[in-house]
């Protein structure tokens, strides 16, 4: 159980809502997470990936919005889900993640127009 004030444990405190999450780890006392959040006020999408053993909490070093990367297109995420890092994922897991993020990104761009 984590007691940290970070974007993963308390996204609402940063004005964020989780859109999608993908765990690249094999689950053996470790984590390797890619998360995409929507900033409620601006509608922008942000993403970050964090990995480690079971001792630290995921994203415990992400204590402000500036610690995240703004997501503007899908290219890097698509490439990441096809890389060797994704060997523990099923094709369905990766595709479901990409579909959620792609839909959210499309809606975000439509709102800007």
Protein backbone atom coordinates (compact mmCIF):
# COMPACT_ATOMS: atom_id res chain seq x y z
CA UNK A 1 0.00 0.00 0.00
CA UNK A 2 1.34 3.40 -0.93
CA UNK A 3 1.07 6.58 1.07
CA UNK A 4 2.57 8.90 -1.51
CA UNK A 5 1.11 12.02 -3.05
CA UNK A 6 1.84 11.30 -6.67
CA UNK A 7 -0.07 11.31 -9.95
CA UNK A 8 -0.59 7.54 -9.84
CA UNK A 9 -2.02 7.23 -6.36
CA UNK A 10 -3.94 10.51 -6.32
CA UNK A 11 -4.58 11.64 -9.90
CA UNK A 12 -7.57 13.79 -8.91
CA UNK A 13 -5.30 15.94 -6.72
CA UNK A 14 -3.51 16.94 -9.93
CA UNK A 15 -6.69 17.46 -11.94
CA UNK A 16 -6.10 14.18 -13.78
CA UNK A 17 -8.23 11.21 -14.72
CA UNK A 18 -6.74 7.89 -15.83
CA UNK A 19 -7.62 7.07 -19.44
CA UNK A 20 -5.63 3.85 -19.87
CA UNK A 21 -2.93 1.82 -18.18
CA UNK A 22 -0.71 -0.94 -19.50
CA UNK A 23 1.54 -3.19 -17.42
CA UNK A 24 4.55 -4.46 -19.36
CA UNK A 25 5.93 -6.52 -16.45
CA UNK A 26 5.65 -10.25 -15.97
CA UNK A 27 4.20 -9.59 -12.52
CA UNK A 28 7.06 -11.13 -10.51
CA UNK A 29 7.47 -8.57 -7.71
CA UNK A 30 7.93 -5.73 -10.16
CA UNK A 31 6.02 -3.16 -12.17
CA UNK A 32 6.50 -1.60 -15.59
CA UNK A 33 3.55 0.68 -16.20
CA UNK A 34 2.57 3.05 -19.00
CA UNK A 35 -0.29 5.32 -17.96
CA UNK A 36 -2.22 7.93 -19.92
CA UNK A 37 -4.16 10.63 -18.06
CA UNK A 38 -6.51 13.42 -19.17
CA UNK A 39 -6.11 16.79 -17.50
CA UNK A 40 -9.68 17.74 -16.61
CA UNK A 41 -9.23 21.50 -16.95
CA UNK A 42 -7.25 21.69 -20.19
CA UNK A 43 -8.40 18.43 -21.79
CA UNK A 44 -4.77 17.63 -22.64
CA UNK A 45 -3.51 14.07 -22.46
CA UNK A 46 -0.37 13.21 -20.53
CA UNK A 47 1.62 10.01 -20.31
CA UNK A 48 4.52 8.52 -18.43
CA UNK A 49 6.12 5.14 -17.96
CA UNK A 50 7.68 3.91 -14.73
CA UNK A 51 9.27 0.61 -13.77
CA UNK A 52 10.79 -0.90 -10.67
CA UNK A 53 10.80 -3.69 -8.15
CA UNK A 54 8.09 -4.16 -5.56
CA UNK A 55 9.76 -1.85 -3.02
CA UNK A 56 9.01 1.60 -4.52
CA UNK A 57 5.56 2.75 -5.52
CA UNK A 58 4.87 3.39 -9.20
CA UNK A 59 5.38 7.03 -10.17
CA UNK A 60 6.42 8.07 -6.67
CA UNK A 61 8.80 10.60 -8.28
CA UNK A 62 5.98 12.21 -10.29
CA UNK A 63 4.71 14.81 -7.86
CA UNK A 64 3.66 17.50 -10.34
CA UNK A 65 2.07 17.78 -13.75
CA UNK A 66 5.38 18.90 -15.26
CA UNK A 67 6.80 15.43 -14.52
CA UNK A 68 4.55 13.97 -17.22
CA UNK A 69 4.89 14.10 -21.01
CA UNK A 70 2.10 15.65 -23.05
CA UNK A 71 0.72 13.11 -25.51
CA UNK A 72 0.20 14.62 -28.95
CA UNK A 73 0.23 11.56 -31.21
CA UNK A 74 0.16 7.78 -31.06
CA UNK A 75 3.39 6.91 -32.88
CA UNK A 76 5.61 6.32 -29.84
CA UNK A 77 2.95 4.32 -28.01
CA UNK A 78 2.30 2.10 -31.02
CA UNK A 79 6.03 1.46 -31.39
CA UNK A 80 6.37 0.71 -27.67
CA UNK A 81 3.58 -1.90 -27.77
CA UNK A 82 5.38 -3.64 -30.66
CA UNK A 83 8.79 -3.62 -28.98
CA UNK A 84 10.44 -6.42 -27.03
CA UNK A 85 9.19 -4.68 -23.87
CA UNK A 86 5.70 -5.89 -24.77
CA UNK A 87 6.59 -9.60 -24.77
CA UNK A 88 4.42 -10.27 -21.70
CA UNK A 89 1.35 -8.61 -23.24
CA UNK A 90 -1.33 -10.32 -25.21
CA UNK A 91 -2.24 -8.73 -28.53
CA UNK A 92 -5.64 -7.94 -27.06
CA UNK A 93 -4.19 -6.04 -24.09
CA UNK A 94 -2.01 -3.88 -26.26
CA UNK A 95 -4.80 -3.18 -28.75
CA UNK A 96 -7.33 -2.32 -26.04
CA UNK A 97 -4.86 0.16 -24.55
CA UNK A 98 -4.14 1.74 -27.95
CA UNK A 99 -7.86 1.96 -28.78
CA UNK A 100 -8.66 3.77 -25.51
CA UNK A 101 -5.81 6.22 -25.94
CA UNK A 102 -6.51 6.80 -29.63
CA UNK A 103 -10.17 7.54 -28.91
CA UNK A 104 -9.28 9.94 -26.10
CA UNK A 105 -6.69 11.70 -28.26
CA UNK A 106 -9.18 12.06 -31.11
CA UNK A 107 -11.81 13.56 -28.76
CA UNK A 108 -9.19 15.91 -27.29
CA UNK A 109 -8.25 17.19 -30.76
CA UNK A 110 -11.93 17.59 -31.75
CA UNK A 111 -12.58 19.77 -28.69
CA UNK A 112 -9.70 22.08 -29.65
CA UNK A 113 -11.22 22.77 -33.08
